[in-house]
PDB file of N, CA and C in Angstrom:
ATOM      1  N   MET A   1      89.571  74.335  95.028  1.00  0.00           N
ATOM      2  CA  MET A   1      90.424  75.402  95.538  1.00  0.00           C
ATOM      3  C   MET A   1      89.607  76.507  96.202  1.00  0.00           C
ATOM      4  N   ARG A   2      88.349  76.605  95.800  1.00  0.00           N
ATOM      5  CA  ARG A   2      87.506  77.638  96.383  1.00  0.00           C
ATOM      6  C   ARG A   2      87.294  77.403  97.877  1.00  0.00           C
ATOM      7  N   TYR A   3      87.233  76.116  98.279  1.00  0.00           N
ATOM      8  CA  TYR A   3      87.060  75.802  99.696  1.00  0.00           C
ATOM      9  C   TYR A   3      88.285  76.217 100.505  1.00  0.00           C
ATOM     10  N   LEU A   4      89.460  76.047  99.928  1.00  0.00           N
ATOM     11  CA  LEU A   4      90.686  76.474 100.596  1.00  0.00           C
ATOM     12  C   LEU A   4      90.730  77.992 100.709  1.00  0.00           C
ATOM     13  N   ASP A   5      90.252  78.670  99.688  1.00  0.00           N
ATOM     14  CA  ASP A   5      90.160  80.129  99.714  1.00  0.00           C
ATOM     15  C   ASP A   5      89.254  80.587 100.851  1.00  0.00           C
ATOM     16  N   TYR A   6      88.085  79.956 100.970  1.00  0.00           N
ATOM     17  CA  TYR A   6      87.188  80.276 102.082  1.00  0.00           C
ATOM     18  C   TYR A   6      87.818  79.933 103.429  1.00  0.00           C
ATOM     19  N   LEU A   7      88.545  78.826 103.481  1.00  0.00           N
ATOM     20  CA  LEU A   7      89.204  78.430 104.727  1.00  0.00           C
ATOM     21  C   LEU A   7      90.210  79.485 105.171  1.00  0.00           C
ATOM     22  N   PHE A   8      90.983  80.018 104.239  1.00  0.00           N
ATOM     23  CA  PHE A   8      91.939  81.070 104.580  1.00  0.00           C
ATOM     24  C   PHE A   8      91.226  82.326 105.083  1.00  0.00           C
ATOM     25  N   ALA A   9      90.158  82.714 104.418  1.00  0.00           N
ATOM     26  CA  ALA A   9      89.423  83.914 104.844  1.00  0.00           C
ATOM     27  C   ALA A   9      88.825  83.714 106.239  1.00  0.00           C
ATOM     28  N   TRP A  10      88.224  82.551 106.485  1.00  0.00           N
ATOM     29  CA  TRP A  10      87.678  82.277 107.816  1.00  0.00           C
ATOM     30  C   TRP A  10      88.784  82.198 108.866  1.00  0.00           C
ATOM     31  N   THR A  11      89.938  81.684 108.503  1.00  0.00           N
ATOM     32  CA  THR A  11      91.069  81.613 109.428  1.00  0.00           C
ATOM     33  C   THR A  11      91.509  83.002 109.855  1.00  0.00           C
ATOM     34  N   ILE A  12      91.575  83.928 108.907  1.00  0.00           N
ATOM     35  CA  ILE A  12      91.956  85.304 109.238  1.00  0.00           C
ATOM     36  C   ILE A  12      90.934  85.917 110.184  1.00  0.00           C
ATOM     37  N   LEU A  13      89.662  85.739 109.882  1.00  0.00           N
ATOM     38  CA  LEU A  13      88.610  86.325 110.712  1.00  0.00           C
ATOM     39  C   LEU A  13      88.598  85.727 112.119  1.00  0.00           C
ATOM     40  N   ILE A  14      88.635  84.420 112.225  1.00  0.00           N
ATOM     41  CA  ILE A  14      88.570  83.773 113.543  1.00  0.00           C
ATOM     42  C   ILE A  14      89.825  84.063 114.360  1.00  0.00           C
ATOM     43  N   THR A  15      90.985  84.069 113.727  1.00  0.00           N
ATOM     44  CA  THR A  15      92.225  84.373 114.444  1.00  0.00           C
ATOM     45  C   THR A  15      92.206  85.797 114.981  1.00  0.00           C
ATOM     46  N   SER A  16      91.680  86.732 114.208  1.00  0.00           N
ATOM     47  CA  SER A  16      91.628  88.115 114.680  1.00  0.00           C
ATOM     48  C   SER A  16      90.674  88.262 115.859  1.00  0.00           C
ATOM     49  N   VAL A  17      89.550  87.574 115.822  1.00  0.00           N
ATOM     50  CA  VAL A  17      88.604  87.642 116.953  1.00  0.00           C
ATOM     51  C   VAL A  17      89.223  87.000 118.195  1.00  0.00           C
ATOM     52  N   VAL A  18      89.893  85.865 118.028  1.00  0.00           N
ATOM     53  CA  VAL A  18      90.562  85.217 119.161  1.00  0.00           C
ATOM     54  C   VAL A  18      91.652  86.127 119.723  1.00  0.00           C
ATOM     55  N   PHE A  19      92.410  86.774 118.850  1.00  0.00           N
ATOM     56  CA  PHE A  19      93.467  87.695 119.297  1.00  0.00           C
ATOM     57  C   PHE A  19      92.878  88.840 120.117  1.00  0.00           C
ATOM     58  N   ILE A  20      91.749  89.375 119.675  1.00  0.00           N
ATOM     59  CA  ILE A  20      91.101  90.463 120.415  1.00  0.00           C
ATOM     60  C   ILE A  20      90.629  89.976 121.778  1.00  0.00           C
ATOM     61  N   VAL A  21      90.009  88.804 121.824  1.00  0.00           N
ATOM     62  CA  VAL A  21      89.516  88.265 123.098  1.00  0.00           C
ATOM     63  C   VAL A  21      90.678  87.986 124.052  1.00  0.00           C
ATOM     64  N   VAL A  22      91.744  87.396 123.550  1.00  0.00           N
ATOM     65  CA  VAL A  22      92.909  87.108 124.395  1.00  0.00           C
ATOM     66  C   VAL A  22      93.541  88.398 124.899  1.00  0.00           C
ATOM     67  N   THR A  23      93.648  89.380 124.035  1.00  0.00           N
ATOM     68  CA  THR A  23      94.229  90.663 124.444  1.00  0.00           C
ATOM     69  C   THR A  23      93.380  91.339 125.510  1.00  0.00           C
ATOM     70  N   GLU A  24      92.082  91.288 125.368  1.00  0.00           N
ATOM     71  CA  GLU A  24      91.202  91.941 126.342  1.00  0.00           C
ATOM     72  C   GLU A  24      91.114  91.187 127.661  1.00  0.00           C
ATOM     73  N   THR A  25      91.252  89.884 127.644  1.00  0.00           N
ATOM     74  CA  THR A  25      91.163  89.132 128.901  1.00  0.00           C
ATOM     75  C   THR A  25      92.488  89.078 129.643  1.00  0.00           C
ATOM     76  N   LEU A  26      93.605  88.952 128.931  1.00  0.00           N
ATOM     77  CA  LEU A  26      94.901  88.839 129.577  1.00  0.00           C
ATOM     78  C   LEU A  26      95.595  90.180 129.780  1.00  0.00           C
ATOM     79  N   HIS A  27      95.218  91.178 129.029  1.00  0.00           N
ATOM     80  CA  HIS A  27      95.844  92.504 129.089  1.00  0.00           C
ATOM     81  C   HIS A  27      97.368  92.399 129.001  1.00  0.00           C
ATOM     82  N   SER A  28      97.823  91.707 127.968  1.00  0.00           N
ATOM     83  CA  SER A  28      99.263  91.532 127.761  1.00  0.00           C
ATOM     84  C   SER A  28      99.949  92.876 127.605  1.00  0.00           C
ATOM     85  N   ARG A  29     101.143  92.972 128.148  1.00  0.00           N
ATOM     86  CA  ARG A  29     101.897  94.218 128.064  1.00  0.00           C
ATOM     87  C   ARG A  29     102.281  94.492 126.614  1.00  0.00           C
ATOM     88  N   GLY A  30     101.970  95.681 126.163  1.00  0.00           N
ATOM     89  CA  GLY A  30     102.322  96.094 124.814  1.00  0.00           C
ATOM     90  C   GLY A  30     101.377  95.617 123.730  1.00  0.00           C
ATOM     91  N   ALA A  31     100.350  94.879 124.091  1.00  0.00           N
ATOM     92  CA  ALA A  31      99.400  94.392 123.086  1.00  0.00           C
ATOM     93  C   ALA A  31      98.455  95.515 122.679  1.00  0.00           C
ATOM     94  N   ILE A  32      98.286  95.686 121.402  1.00  0.00           N
ATOM     95  CA  ILE A  32      97.393  96.716 120.885  1.00  0.00           C
ATOM     96  C   ILE A  32      96.392  96.058 119.943  1.00  0.00           C
ATOM     97  N   LEU A  33      95.284  96.711 119.736  1.00  0.00           N
ATOM     98  CA  LEU A  33      94.196  96.108 118.976  1.00  0.00           C
ATOM     99  C   LEU A  33      94.107  96.594 117.534  1.00  0.00           C
ATOM    100  N   ASP A  34      95.016  97.429 117.090  1.00  0.00           N
ATOM    101  CA  ASP A  34      94.892  97.922 115.718  1.00  0.00           C
ATOM    102  C   ASP A  34      95.189  96.845 114.688  1.00  0.00           C
ATOM    103  N   VAL A  35      96.094  95.937 114.988  1.00  0.00           N
ATOM    104  CA  VAL A  35      96.447  94.893 114.038  1.00  0.00           C
ATOM    105  C   VAL A  35      95.294  93.904 113.827  1.00  0.00           C
ATOM    106  N   PRO A  36      94.655  93.362 114.896  1.00  0.00           N
ATOM    107  CA  PRO A  36      93.542  92.445 114.623  1.00  0.00           C
ATOM    108  C   PRO A  36      92.345  93.118 113.958  1.00  0.00           C
ATOM    109  N   PHE A  37      92.145  94.408 114.211  1.00  0.00           N
ATOM    110  CA  PHE A  37      91.066  95.099 113.500  1.00  0.00           C
ATOM    111  C   PHE A  37      91.389  95.198 112.015  1.00  0.00           C
ATOM    112  N   LEU A  38      92.642  95.383 111.669  1.00  0.00           N
ATOM    113  CA  LEU A  38      93.048  95.371 110.260  1.00  0.00           C
ATOM    114  C   LEU A  38      92.831  93.987 109.660  1.00  0.00           C
ATOM    115  N   TRP A  39      93.118  92.941 110.444  1.00  0.00           N
ATOM    116  CA  TRP A  39      92.891  91.583 109.962  1.00  0.00           C
ATOM    117  C   TRP A  39      91.412  91.348 109.667  1.00  0.00           C
ATOM    118  N   ILE A  40      90.535  91.884 110.514  1.00  0.00           N
ATOM    119  CA  ILE A  40      89.095  91.738 110.284  1.00  0.00           C
ATOM    120  C   ILE A  40      88.692  92.410 108.971  1.00  0.00           C
ATOM    121  N   VAL A  41      89.227  93.593 108.722  1.00  0.00           N
ATOM    122  CA  VAL A  41      88.920  94.301 107.475  1.00  0.00           C
ATOM    123  C   VAL A  41      89.423  93.502 106.270  1.00  0.00           C
ATOM    124  N   ILE A  42      90.607  92.932 106.376  1.00  0.00           N
ATOM    125  CA  ILE A  42      91.152  92.131 105.279  1.00  0.00           C
ATOM    126  C   ILE A  42      90.291  90.898 105.038  1.00  0.00           C
ATOM    127  N   ALA A  43      89.831  90.261 106.112  1.00  0.00           N
ATOM    128  CA  ALA A  43      88.945  89.103 105.956  1.00  0.00           C
ATOM    129  C   ALA A  43      87.654  89.516 105.254  1.00  0.00           C
ATOM    130  N   MET A  44      87.102  90.665 105.623  1.00  0.00           N
ATOM    131  CA  MET A  44      85.864  91.124 104.983  1.00  0.00           C
ATOM    132  C   MET A  44      86.081  91.431 103.503  1.00  0.00           C
ATOM    133  N   VAL A  45      87.217  92.019 103.161  1.00  0.00           N
ATOM    134  CA  VAL A  45      87.514  92.313 101.760  1.00  0.00           C
ATOM    135  C   VAL A  45      87.648  91.016 100.964  1.00  0.00           C
ATOM    136  N   ASN A  46      88.285  90.017 101.554  1.00  0.00           N
ATOM    137  CA  ASN A  46      88.418  88.736 100.863  1.00  0.00           C
ATOM    138  C   ASN A  46      87.076  88.023 100.735  1.00  0.00           C
ATOM    139  N   PHE A  47      86.219  88.127 101.753  1.00  0.00           N
ATOM    140  CA  PHE A  47      84.872  87.570 101.628  1.00  0.00           C
ATOM    141  C   PHE A  47      84.093  88.285 100.528  1.00  0.00           C
ATOM    142  N   LEU A  48      84.300  89.589 100.392  1.00  0.00           N
ATOM    143  CA  LEU A  48      83.643  90.339  99.326  1.00  0.00           C
ATOM    144  C   LEU A  48      84.106  89.843  97.961  1.00  0.00           C
ATOM    145  N   ARG A  49      85.387  89.590  97.830  1.00  0.00           N
ATOM    146  CA  ARG A  49      85.917  89.058  96.569  1.00  0.00           C
ATOM    147  C   ARG A  49      85.345  87.678  96.279  1.00  0.00           C
ATOM    148  N   LEU A  50      85.269  86.843  97.302  1.00  0.00           N
ATOM    149  CA  LEU A  50      84.729  85.502  97.103  1.00  0.00           C
ATOM    150  C   LEU A  50      83.246  85.546  96.752  1.00  0.00           C
ATOM    151  N   ARG A  51      82.521  86.444  97.388  1.00  0.00           N
ATOM    152  CA  ARG A  51      81.072  86.551  97.140  1.00  0.00           C
ATOM    153  C   ARG A  51      80.788  87.057  95.738  1.00  0.00           C
ATOM    154  N   ASN A  52      81.641  87.941  95.232  1.00  0.00           N
ATOM    155  CA  ASN A  52      81.420  88.555  93.920  1.00  0.00           C
ATOM    156  C   ASN A  52      82.355  87.985  92.861  1.00  0.00           C
ATOM    157  N   ALA A  53      82.774  86.740  93.019  1.00  0.00           N
ATOM    158  CA  ALA A  53      83.702  86.144  92.061  1.00  0.00           C
ATOM    159  C   ALA A  53      83.052  85.948  90.700  1.00  0.00           C
ATOM    160  N   ASP A  54      81.750  85.736  90.676  1.00  0.00           N
ATOM    161  CA  ASP A  54      81.075  85.499  89.401  1.00  0.00           C
ATOM    162  C   ASP A  54      80.605  86.782  88.728  1.00  0.00           C
ATOM    163  N   ALA A  55      80.560  87.852  89.470  1.00  0.00           N
ATOM    164  CA  ALA A  55      80.118  89.130  88.903  1.00  0.00           C
ATOM    165  C   ALA A  55      81.340  89.915  88.424  1.00  0.00           C
ATOM    166  N   GLU A  56      81.093  90.827  87.551  1.00  0.00           N
ATOM    167  CA  GLU A  56      82.180  91.677  87.072  1.00  0.00           C
ATOM    168  C   GLU A  56      82.231  92.942  87.913  1.00  0.00           C
ATOM    169  N   VAL A  57      82.961  92.863  89.007  1.00  0.00           N
ATOM    170  CA  VAL A  57      83.163  94.020  89.870  1.00  0.00           C
ATOM    171  C   VAL A  57      84.521  94.594  89.513  1.00  0.00           C
ATOM    172  N   ARG A  58      84.494  95.774  88.991  1.00  0.00           N
ATOM    173  CA  ARG A  58      85.699  96.390  88.450  1.00  0.00           C
ATOM    174  C   ARG A  58      86.753  96.593  89.534  1.00  0.00           C
ATOM    175  N   ASP A  59      87.956  96.131  89.284  1.00  0.00           N
ATOM    176  CA  ASP A  59      89.144  96.313  90.111  1.00  0.00           C
ATOM    177  C   ASP A  59      89.050  95.684  91.495  1.00  0.00           C
ATOM    178  N   LEU A  60      88.095  94.806  91.756  1.00  0.00           N
ATOM    179  CA  LEU A  60      88.002  94.151  93.059  1.00  0.00           C
ATOM    180  C   LEU A  60      89.179  93.220  93.285  1.00  0.00           C
ATOM    181  N   LYS A  61      89.571  92.495  92.257  1.00  0.00           N
ATOM    182  CA  LYS A  61      90.709  91.589  92.364  1.00  0.00           C
ATOM    183  C   LYS A  61      91.987  92.352  92.700  1.00  0.00           C
ATOM    184  N   MET A  62      92.227  93.462  92.022  1.00  0.00           N
ATOM    185  CA  MET A  62      93.416  94.263  92.264  1.00  0.00           C
ATOM    186  C   MET A  62      93.376  94.880  93.668  1.00  0.00           C
ATOM    187  N   PHE A  63      92.202  95.293  94.115  1.00  0.00           N
ATOM    188  CA  PHE A  63      92.051  95.853  95.451  1.00  0.00           C
ATOM    189  C   PHE A  63      92.393  94.803  96.514  1.00  0.00           C
ATOM    190  N   CYS A  64      91.931  93.573  96.317  1.00  0.00           N
ATOM    191  CA  CYS A  64      92.216  92.499  97.274  1.00  0.00           C
ATOM    192  C   CYS A  64      93.700  92.158  97.306  1.00  0.00           C
ATOM    193  N   VAL A  65      94.317  92.093  96.151  1.00  0.00           N
ATOM    194  CA  VAL A  65      95.752  91.813  96.102  1.00  0.00           C
ATOM    195  C   VAL A  65      96.516  92.910  96.844  1.00  0.00           C
ATOM    196  N   GLY A  66      96.171  94.164  96.604  1.00  0.00           N
ATOM    197  CA  GLY A  66      96.841  95.272  97.281  1.00  0.00           C
ATOM    198  C   GLY A  66      96.636  95.248  98.786  1.00  0.00           C
ATOM    199  N   ALA A  67      95.408  94.976  99.223  1.00  0.00           N
ATOM    200  CA  ALA A  67      95.124  94.922 100.656  1.00  0.00           C
ATOM    201  C   ALA A  67      95.871  93.772 101.322  1.00  0.00           C
ATOM    202  N   ASN A  68      95.893  92.626 100.679  1.00  0.00           N
ATOM    203  CA  ASN A  68      96.620  91.491 101.243  1.00  0.00           C
ATOM    204  C   ASN A  68      98.118  91.754 101.306  1.00  0.00           C
ATOM    205  N   LEU A  69      98.665  92.408 100.287  1.00  0.00           N
ATOM    206  CA  LEU A  69     100.090  92.736 100.308  1.00  0.00           C
ATOM    207  C   LEU A  69     100.419  93.750 101.399  1.00  0.00           C
ATOM    208  N   ILE A  70      99.505  94.682 101.656  1.00  0.00           N
ATOM    209  CA  ILE A  70      99.712  95.645 102.742  1.00  0.00           C
ATOM    210  C   ILE A  70      99.802  94.925 104.081  1.00  0.00           C
ATOM    211  N   VAL A  71      98.930  93.949 104.308  1.00  0.00           N
ATOM    212  CA  VAL A  71      98.972  93.207 105.572  1.00  0.00           C
ATOM    213  C   VAL A  71     100.252  92.379 105.666  1.00  0.00           C
ATOM    214  N   LEU A  72     100.673  91.768 104.568  1.00  0.00           N
ATOM    215  CA  LEU A  72     101.929  91.023 104.596  1.00  0.00           C
ATOM    216  C   LEU A  72     103.108  91.934 104.920  1.00  0.00           C
ATOM    217  N   MET A  73     103.126  93.113 104.335  1.00  0.00           N
ATOM    218  CA  MET A  73     104.197  94.074 104.640  1.00  0.00           C
ATOM    219  C   MET A  73     104.138  94.528 106.094  1.00  0.00           C
ATOM    220  N   LEU A  74     102.924  94.750 106.607  1.00  0.00           N
ATOM    221  CA  LEU A  74     102.768  95.146 108.006  1.00  0.00           C
ATOM    222  C   LEU A  74     103.315  94.079 108.942  1.00  0.00           C
ATOM    223  N   GLU A  75     103.009  92.825 108.664  1.00  0.00           N
ATOM    224  CA  GLU A  75     103.513  91.744 109.508  1.00  0.00           C
ATOM    225  C   GLU A  75     105.033  91.646 109.424  1.00  0.00           C
ATOM    226  N   ALA A  76     105.590  91.814 108.239  1.00  0.00           N
ATOM    227  CA  ALA A  76     107.050  91.776 108.088  1.00  0.00           C
ATOM    228  C   ALA A  76     107.707  92.926 108.845  1.00  0.00           C
ATOM    229  N   VAL A  77     107.111  94.099 108.779  1.00  0.00           N
ATOM    230  CA  VAL A  77     107.660  95.259 109.492  1.00  0.00           C
ATOM    231  C   VAL A  77     107.540  95.074 111.002  1.00  0.00           C
ATOM    232  N   ARG A  78     106.403  94.523 111.452  1.00  0.00           N
ATOM    233  CA  ARG A  78     106.244  94.287 112.892  1.00  0.00           C
ATOM    234  C   ARG A  78     107.300  93.323 113.416  1.00  0.00           C
ATOM    235  N   VAL A  79     107.561  92.261 112.688  1.00  0.00           N
ATOM    236  CA  VAL A  79     108.581  91.304 113.124  1.00  0.00           C
ATOM    237  C   VAL A  79     109.960  91.945 113.095  1.00  0.00           C
ATOM    238  N   LYS A  80     110.236  92.754 112.086  1.00  0.00           N
ATOM    239  CA  LYS A  80     111.546  93.407 111.983  1.00  0.00           C
ATOM    240  C   LYS A  80     111.740  94.456 113.087  1.00  0.00           C
ATOM    241  N   LEU A  81     110.685  95.227 113.370  1.00  0.00           N
ATOM    242  CA  LEU A  81     110.804  96.284 114.380  1.00  0.00           C
ATOM    243  C   LEU A  81     110.841  95.748 115.806  1.00  0.00           C
ATOM    244  N   PHE A  82     109.948  94.813 116.097  1.00  0.00           N
ATOM    245  CA  PHE A  82     109.796  94.377 117.479  1.00  0.00           C
ATOM    246  C   PHE A  82     110.408  93.012 117.741  1.00  0.00           C
ATOM    247  N   GLY A  83     110.772  92.303 116.708  1.00  0.00           N
ATOM    248  CA  GLY A  83     111.509  91.055 116.787  1.00  0.00           C
ATOM    249  C   GLY A  83     111.003  90.045 117.788  1.00  0.00           C
ATOM    250  N   ALA A  84     111.764  89.837 118.853  1.00  0.00           N
ATOM    251  CA  ALA A  84     111.482  88.780 119.827  1.00  0.00           C
ATOM    252  C   ALA A  84     110.171  89.017 120.572  1.00  0.00           C
ATOM    253  N   VAL A  85     109.796  90.270 120.785  1.00  0.00           N
ATOM    254  CA  VAL A  85     108.552  90.554 121.507  1.00  0.00           C
ATOM    255  C   VAL A  85     107.349  90.076 120.706  1.00  0.00           C
ATOM    256  N   VAL A  86     107.346  90.341 119.413  1.00  0.00           N
ATOM    257  CA  VAL A  86     106.240  89.904 118.559  1.00  0.00           C
ATOM    258  C   VAL A  86     106.187  88.387 118.505  1.00  0.00           C
ATOM    259  N   LEU A  87     107.329  87.765 118.335  1.00  0.00           N
ATOM    260  CA  LEU A  87     107.345  86.309 118.228  1.00  0.00           C
ATOM    261  C   LEU A  87     106.998  85.637 119.554  1.00  0.00           C
ATOM    262  N   LYS A  88     107.389  86.245 120.659  1.00  0.00           N
ATOM    263  CA  LYS A  88     107.101  85.657 121.968  1.00  0.00           C
ATOM    264  C   LYS A  88     105.632  85.804 122.341  1.00  0.00           C
ATOM    265  N   ASN A  89     105.089  87.012 122.199  1.00  0.00           N
ATOM    266  CA  ASN A  89     103.720  87.282 122.645  1.00  0.00           C
ATOM    267  C   ASN A  89     102.671  86.962 121.592  1.00  0.00           C
ATOM    268  N   TRP A  90     102.923  87.334 120.347  1.00  0.00           N
ATOM    269  CA  TRP A  90     101.901  87.243 119.310  1.00  0.00           C
ATOM    270  C   TRP A  90     102.294  86.315 118.180  1.00  0.00           C
ATOM    271  N   GLY A  91     103.328  85.525 118.380  1.00  0.00           N
ATOM    272  CA  GLY A  91     103.847  84.667 117.322  1.00  0.00           C
ATOM    273  C   GLY A  91     102.831  83.753 116.675  1.00  0.00           C
ATOM    274  N   PRO A  92     102.071  82.985 117.464  1.00  0.00           N
ATOM    275  CA  PRO A  92     101.113  82.070 116.819  1.00  0.00           C
ATOM    276  C   PRO A  92     100.063  82.799 115.997  1.00  0.00           C
ATOM    277  N   TYR A  93      99.562  83.916 116.518  1.00  0.00           N
ATOM    278  CA  TYR A  93      98.535  84.660 115.785  1.00  0.00           C
ATOM    279  C   TYR A  93      99.108  85.236 114.498  1.00  0.00           C
ATOM    280  N   SER A  94     100.280  85.851 114.603  1.00  0.00           N
ATOM    281  CA  SER A  94     100.897  86.456 113.429  1.00  0.00           C
ATOM    282  C   SER A  94     101.271  85.407 112.397  1.00  0.00           C
ATOM    283  N   LEU A  95     101.740  84.255 112.849  1.00  0.00           N
ATOM    284  CA  LEU A  95     102.117  83.199 111.919  1.00  0.00           C
ATOM    285  C   LEU A  95     100.895  82.635 111.195  1.00  0.00           C
ATOM    286  N   ILE A  96      99.837  82.368 111.937  1.00  0.00           N
ATOM    287  CA  ILE A  96      98.618  81.827 111.332  1.00  0.00           C
ATOM    288  C   ILE A  96      98.037  82.814 110.322  1.00  0.00           C
ATOM    289  N   VAL A  97      97.933  84.072 110.712  1.00  0.00           N
ATOM    290  CA  VAL A  97      97.377  85.080 109.814  1.00  0.00           C
ATOM    291  C   VAL A  97      98.313  85.325 108.634  1.00  0.00           C
ATOM    292  N   GLY A  98      99.606  85.315 108.874  1.00  0.00           N
ATOM    293  CA  GLY A  98     100.557  85.510 107.781  1.00  0.00           C
ATOM    294  C   GLY A  98     100.430  84.446 106.704  1.00  0.00           C
ATOM    295  N   ILE A  99     100.309  83.193 107.123  1.00  0.00           N
ATOM    296  CA  ILE A  99     100.139  82.100 106.157  1.00  0.00           C
ATOM    297  C   ILE A  99      98.802  82.228 105.431  1.00  0.00           C
ATOM    298  N   ALA A 100      97.740  82.556 106.181  1.00  0.00           N
ATOM    299  CA  ALA A 100      96.418  82.693 105.558  1.00  0.00           C
ATOM    300  C   ALA A 100      96.380  83.871 104.577  1.00  0.00           C
ATOM    301  N   VAL A 101      96.995  84.986 104.940  1.00  0.00           N
ATOM    302  CA  VAL A 101      97.009  86.148 104.040  1.00  0.00           C
ATOM    303  C   VAL A 101      97.866  85.861 102.807  1.00  0.00           C
ATOM    304  N   LEU A 102      98.955  85.138 102.991  1.00  0.00           N
ATOM    305  CA  LEU A 102      99.758  84.748 101.830  1.00  0.00           C
ATOM    306  C   LEU A 102      98.936  83.875 100.888  1.00  0.00           C
ATOM    307  N   GLY A 103      98.186  82.933 101.452  1.00  0.00           N
ATOM    308  CA  GLY A 103      97.298  82.104 100.625  1.00  0.00           C
ATOM    309  C   GLY A 103      96.231  82.928  99.930  1.00  0.00           C
ATOM    310  N   GLU A 104      95.636  83.881 100.652  1.00  0.00           N
ATOM    311  CA  GLU A 104      94.622  84.755 100.041  1.00  0.00           C
ATOM    312  C   GLU A 104      95.222  85.607  98.929  1.00  0.00           C
ATOM    313  N   THR A 105      96.460  86.048  99.111  1.00  0.00           N
ATOM    314  CA  THR A 105      97.118  86.832  98.069  1.00  0.00           C
ATOM    315  C   THR A 105      97.300  85.999  96.809  1.00  0.00           C
ATOM    316  N   VAL A 106      97.741  84.763  96.983  1.00  0.00           N
ATOM    317  CA  VAL A 106      97.928  83.877  95.829  1.00  0.00           C
ATOM    318  C   VAL A 106      96.592  83.608  95.149  1.00  0.00           C
ATOM    319  N   PHE A 107      95.548  83.322  95.943  1.00  0.00           N
ATOM    320  CA  PHE A 107      94.239  83.060  95.353  1.00  0.00           C
ATOM    321  C   PHE A 107      93.662  84.314  94.692  1.00  0.00           C
ATOM    322  N   SER A 108      93.932  85.484  95.254  1.00  0.00           N
ATOM    323  CA  SER A 108      93.440  86.720  94.646  1.00  0.00           C
ATOM    324  C   SER A 108      94.097  86.958  93.296  1.00  0.00           C
ATOM    325  N   MET A 109      95.385  86.671  93.209  1.00  0.00           N
ATOM    326  CA  MET A 109      96.088  86.877  91.949  1.00  0.00           C
ATOM    327  C   MET A 109      95.722  85.809  90.922  1.00  0.00           C
ATOM    328  N   ALA A 110      95.444  84.593  91.391  1.00  0.00           N
ATOM    329  CA  ALA A 110      95.162  83.490  90.475  1.00  0.00           C
ATOM    330  C   ALA A 110      93.696  83.403  90.088  1.00  0.00           C
ATOM    331  N   GLN A 111      92.844  84.207  90.720  1.00  0.00           N
ATOM    332  CA  GLN A 111      91.410  84.131  90.439  1.00  0.00           C
ATOM    333  C   GLN A 111      91.139  84.527  88.997  1.00  0.00           C
ATOM    334  N   ARG A 112      90.347  83.700  88.344  1.00  0.00           N
ATOM    335  CA  ARG A 112      89.950  83.986  86.975  1.00  0.00           C
ATOM    336  C   ARG A 112      88.516  84.441  86.987  1.00  0.00           C
ATOM    337  N   ASN A 113      88.232  85.414  86.202  1.00  0.00           N
ATOM    338  CA  ASN A 113      86.879  85.958  86.141  1.00  0.00           C
ATOM    339  C   ASN A 113      86.328  85.734  84.737  1.00  0.00           C
ATOM    340  N   ASP A 114      86.216  84.447  84.366  1.00  0.00           N
ATOM    341  CA  ASP A 114      85.783  84.099  83.022  1.00  0.00           C
ATOM    342  C   ASP A 114      84.274  84.155  82.838  1.00  0.00           C
ATOM    343  N   SER A 115      83.547  83.999  83.919  1.00  0.00           N
ATOM    344  CA  SER A 115      82.097  83.897  83.772  1.00  0.00           C
ATOM    345  C   SER A 115      81.489  85.248  83.438  1.00  0.00           C
ATOM    346  N   LYS A 116      80.442  85.184  82.693  1.00  0.00           N
ATOM    347  CA  LYS A 116      79.717  86.389  82.302  1.00  0.00           C
ATOM    348  C   LYS A 116      78.629  86.660  83.335  1.00  0.00           C
ATOM    349  N   PRO A 117      78.223  87.915  83.485  1.00  0.00           N
ATOM    350  CA  PRO A 117      77.108  88.175  84.396  1.00  0.00           C
ATOM    351  C   PRO A 117      75.836  87.535  83.858  1.00  0.00           C
ATOM    352  N   PRO A 118      74.938  87.142  84.736  1.00  0.00           N
ATOM    353  CA  PRO A 118      73.713  86.478  84.261  1.00  0.00           C
ATOM    354  C   PRO A 118      72.895  87.405  83.370  1.00  0.00           C
ATOM    355  N   ALA A 119      72.306  86.796  82.362  1.00  0.00           N
ATOM    356  CA  ALA A 119      71.469  87.569  81.441  1.00  0.00           C
ATOM    357  C   ALA A 119      70.210  88.024  82.154  1.00  0.00           C
ATOM    358  N   LEU A 120      69.753  89.195  81.784  1.00  0.00           N
ATOM    359  CA  LEU A 120      68.538  89.721  82.386  1.00  0.00           C
ATOM    360  C   LEU A 120      67.335  89.002  81.791  1.00  0.00           C
ATOM    361  N   ASN A 121      66.490  88.487  82.656  1.00  0.00           N
ATOM    362  CA  ASN A 121      65.281  87.823  82.177  1.00  0.00           C
ATOM    363  C   ASN A 121      64.173  88.848  82.005  1.00  0.00           C
ATOM    364  N   PRO A 122      63.448  88.748  80.922  1.00  0.00           N
ATOM    365  CA  PRO A 122      62.356  89.707  80.742  1.00  0.00           C
ATOM    366  C   PRO A 122      61.277  89.455  81.796  1.00  0.00           C
ATOM    367  N   VAL A 123      60.641  90.519  82.185  1.00  0.00           N
ATOM    368  CA  VAL A 123      59.574  90.417  83.169  1.00  0.00           C
ATOM    369  C   VAL A 123      58.381  89.751  82.528  1.00  0.00           C
ATOM    370  N   GLU A 124      57.853  88.758  83.205  1.00  0.00           N
ATOM    371  CA  GLU A 124      56.718  88.028  82.637  1.00  0.00           C
ATOM    372  C   GLU A 124      55.433  88.604  83.086  1.00  0.00           C
TER     373      GLU A 124
END
């Protein structure tokens, strides 16, 4: 399952970079770059959670769940506010990221932190 977790995080990151490149090359009407920059931040937060899964980083899991839920709410609000425009122009990007963020949210909530931090070895 860890590979699927990484796949979702990489999907968010790559989709956001592709969205930025497409927006800058095509200059689509009404396209703004604040949403893909938020996606990049969410991908970085999820990579941080994955990197520190074995360490006891206080409240990292809760922070990731909250950040992922914020992005899910943002996508839901964007579709509700702009409706057909979002689905017509940015539908594939929003759909791909929405599914990946939903997966990251589930993995963030289901992550178990059973392992103990490594014991300190005495200096020889």
